Amino acid sequence: RNFNAGDKIAIFAMAKLDQGWTEQPTGDDVKPSIPPMSHVVNARTNVNWRHSSAGKVIQGRQEWYSIPLTILISDGSNGNNNDGK
């Protein structure tokens, strides 16, 4: 993509975190055989999970985004010769 001087672009990092929290041990000696129930596991791994309390809502998700970094595209005429000096 071509950008023009004065354009602002936002850059985000995205990550899927803690997906291993949904893995349960298996075997006859592990009881009960139920999925994770804690709020933190569900909030970070289960897109279908939703919890409301005291007027606040937590919606589960798998994709987590950083705060954006905004970059202003210059025209290169600021006198910087790009050699780090």
C-alpha atoms as a PDB file:
ATOM      1  CA  ARG A   1       0.000   0.000   0.000  1.00  0.00           C
ATOM      2  CA  ASN A   2       1.191   3.511  -0.737  1.00  0.00           C
ATOM      3  CA  PHE A   3       0.922   6.140   1.971  1.00  0.00           C
ATOM      4  CA  ASN A   4       0.978   9.885   1.495  1.00  0.00           C
ATOM      5  CA  ALA A   5       2.618  12.544   3.642  1.00  0.00           C
ATOM      6  CA  GLY A   6       0.227  13.418   6.448  1.00  0.00           C
ATOM      7  CA  ASP A   7      -1.424   9.998   6.510  1.00  0.00           C
ATOM      8  CA  LYS A   8      -1.800   8.432   9.933  1.00  0.00           C
ATOM      9  CA  ILE A   9      -1.696   4.667  10.285  1.00  0.00           C
ATOM     10  CA  ALA A  10      -2.434   2.607  13.364  1.00  0.00           C
ATOM     11  CA  ILE A  11      -0.478  -0.535  14.149  1.00  0.00           C
ATOM     12  CA  PHE A  12      -1.831  -3.189  16.517  1.00  0.00           C
ATOM     13  CA  ALA A  13      -0.396  -6.399  17.887  1.00  0.00           C
ATOM     14  CA  MET A  14      -2.864  -9.293  18.142  1.00  0.00           C
ATOM     15  CA  ALA A  15      -2.382 -12.457  20.167  1.00  0.00           C
ATOM     16  CA  LYS A  16      -4.314 -15.567  21.114  1.00  0.00           C
ATOM     17  CA  LEU A  17      -3.414 -16.249  24.722  1.00  0.00           C
ATOM     18  CA  ASP A  18      -3.866 -19.022  27.257  1.00  0.00           C
ATOM     19  CA  GLN A  19      -5.532 -21.488  24.889  1.00  0.00           C
ATOM     20  CA  GLY A  20      -3.866 -24.335  26.813  1.00  0.00           C
ATOM     21  CA  TRP A  21      -6.060 -23.468  29.786  1.00  0.00           C
ATOM     22  CA  THR A  22      -8.948 -25.211  28.028  1.00  0.00           C
ATOM     23  CA  GLU A  23      -7.131 -28.558  27.907  1.00  0.00           C
ATOM     24  CA  GLN A  24      -8.288 -30.984  30.566  1.00  0.00           C
ATOM     25  CA  PRO A  25      -6.487 -34.060  31.820  1.00  0.00           C
ATOM     26  CA  THR A  26      -8.099 -37.251  30.581  1.00  0.00           C
ATOM     27  CA  GLY A  27      -8.508 -40.676  32.029  1.00  0.00           C
ATOM     28  CA  ASP A  28     -10.807 -42.597  34.323  1.00  0.00           C
ATOM     29  CA  ASP A  29      -9.139 -41.192  37.434  1.00  0.00           C
ATOM     30  CA  VAL A  30      -9.981 -37.551  36.542  1.00  0.00           C
ATOM     31  CA  LYS A  31     -13.416 -36.476  37.772  1.00  0.00           C
ATOM     32  CA  PRO A  32     -15.547 -34.601  36.984  1.00  0.00           C
ATOM     33  CA  SER A  33     -15.103 -34.388  33.243  1.00  0.00           C
ATOM     34  CA  ILE A  34     -16.300 -30.811  32.728  1.00  0.00           C
ATOM     35  CA  PRO A  35     -14.894 -27.816  30.844  1.00  0.00           C
ATOM     36  CA  PRO A  36     -13.128 -24.980  32.686  1.00  0.00           C
ATOM     37  CA  MET A  37     -15.489 -22.944  34.821  1.00  0.00           C
ATOM     38  CA  SER A  38     -13.398 -20.055  36.189  1.00  0.00           C
ATOM     39  CA  HIS A  39     -14.178 -16.547  34.972  1.00  0.00           C
ATOM     40  CA  VAL A  40     -10.605 -15.851  33.883  1.00  0.00           C
ATOM     41  CA  VAL A  41     -10.325 -19.008  31.756  1.00  0.00           C
ATOM     42  CA  ASN A  42     -13.663 -18.408  30.084  1.00  0.00           C
ATOM     43  CA  ALA A  43     -13.038 -14.698  29.531  1.00  0.00           C
ATOM     44  CA  ARG A  44      -9.733 -15.447  27.777  1.00  0.00           C
ATOM     45  CA  THR A  45     -10.675 -18.546  25.793  1.00  0.00           C
ATOM     46  CA  ASN A  46     -14.440 -18.895  25.243  1.00  0.00           C
ATOM     47  CA  VAL A  47     -16.071 -16.556  22.700  1.00  0.00           C
ATOM     48  CA  ASN A  48     -19.529 -17.821  23.735  1.00  0.00           C
ATOM     49  CA  TRP A  49     -19.073 -16.968  27.433  1.00  0.00           C
ATOM     50  CA  ARG A  50     -20.698 -13.823  28.832  1.00  0.00           C
ATOM     51  CA  HIS A  51     -21.035 -12.699  32.429  1.00  0.00           C
ATOM     52  CA  SER A  52     -22.838  -9.691  33.917  1.00  0.00           C
ATOM     53  CA  SER A  53     -22.471  -8.332  37.433  1.00  0.00           C
ATOM     54  CA  ALA A  54     -23.159  -4.932  39.012  1.00  0.00           C
ATOM     55  CA  GLY A  55     -23.856  -3.370  35.626  1.00  0.00           C
ATOM     56  CA  LYS A  56     -20.588  -4.605  34.097  1.00  0.00           C
ATOM     57  CA  VAL A  57     -20.386  -7.162  31.287  1.00  0.00           C
ATOM     58  CA  ILE A  58     -17.481  -9.449  30.449  1.00  0.00           C
ATOM     59  CA  GLN A  59     -17.617 -11.065  27.004  1.00  0.00           C
ATOM     60  CA  GLY A  60     -15.263 -13.970  26.371  1.00  0.00           C
ATOM     61  CA  ARG A  61     -12.879 -13.702  23.460  1.00  0.00           C
ATOM     62  CA  GLN A  62      -9.805 -15.336  21.993  1.00  0.00           C
ATOM     63  CA  GLU A  63      -8.166 -12.460  20.152  1.00  0.00           C
ATOM     64  CA  TRP A  64      -6.546  -9.772  22.288  1.00  0.00           C
ATOM     65  CA  TYR A  65      -5.298  -6.495  20.807  1.00  0.00           C
ATOM     66  CA  SER A  66      -2.666  -4.056  22.019  1.00  0.00           C
ATOM     67  CA  ILE A  67      -3.113  -0.339  22.401  1.00  0.00           C
ATOM     68  CA  PRO A  68      -2.548   1.102  18.912  1.00  0.00           C
ATOM     69  CA  LEU A  69       0.690   2.748  17.891  1.00  0.00           C
ATOM     70  CA  THR A  70      -0.116   5.670  15.583  1.00  0.00           C
ATOM     71  CA  ILE A  71       2.448   6.608  12.967  1.00  0.00           C
ATOM     72  CA  LEU A  72       2.349   9.882  11.026  1.00  0.00           C
ATOM     73  CA  ILE A  73       3.783   9.532   7.525  1.00  0.00           C
ATOM     74  CA  SER A  74       6.165  12.372   6.701  1.00  0.00           C
ATOM     75  CA  ASP A  75       7.219  13.685   3.330  1.00  0.00           C
ATOM     76  CA  GLY A  76      10.891  13.185   4.211  1.00  0.00           C
ATOM     77  CA  SER A  77      11.709  16.900   4.052  1.00  0.00           C
ATOM     78  CA  ASN A  78      12.453  17.373   7.750  1.00  0.00           C
ATOM     79  CA  GLY A  79      16.203  17.358   7.163  1.00  0.00           C
ATOM     80  CA  ASN A  80      16.781  13.923   8.669  1.00  0.00           C
ATOM     81  CA  ASN A  81      19.229  11.960   6.579  1.00  0.00           C
ATOM     82  CA  ASN A  82      18.176   8.628   8.166  1.00  0.00           C
ATOM     83  CA  ASP A  83      21.702   7.754   9.301  1.00  0.00           C
ATOM     84  CA  GLY A  84      20.769   8.006  12.971  1.00  0.00           C
ATOM     85  CA  LYS A  85      22.563  11.350  13.581  1.00  0.00           C
END
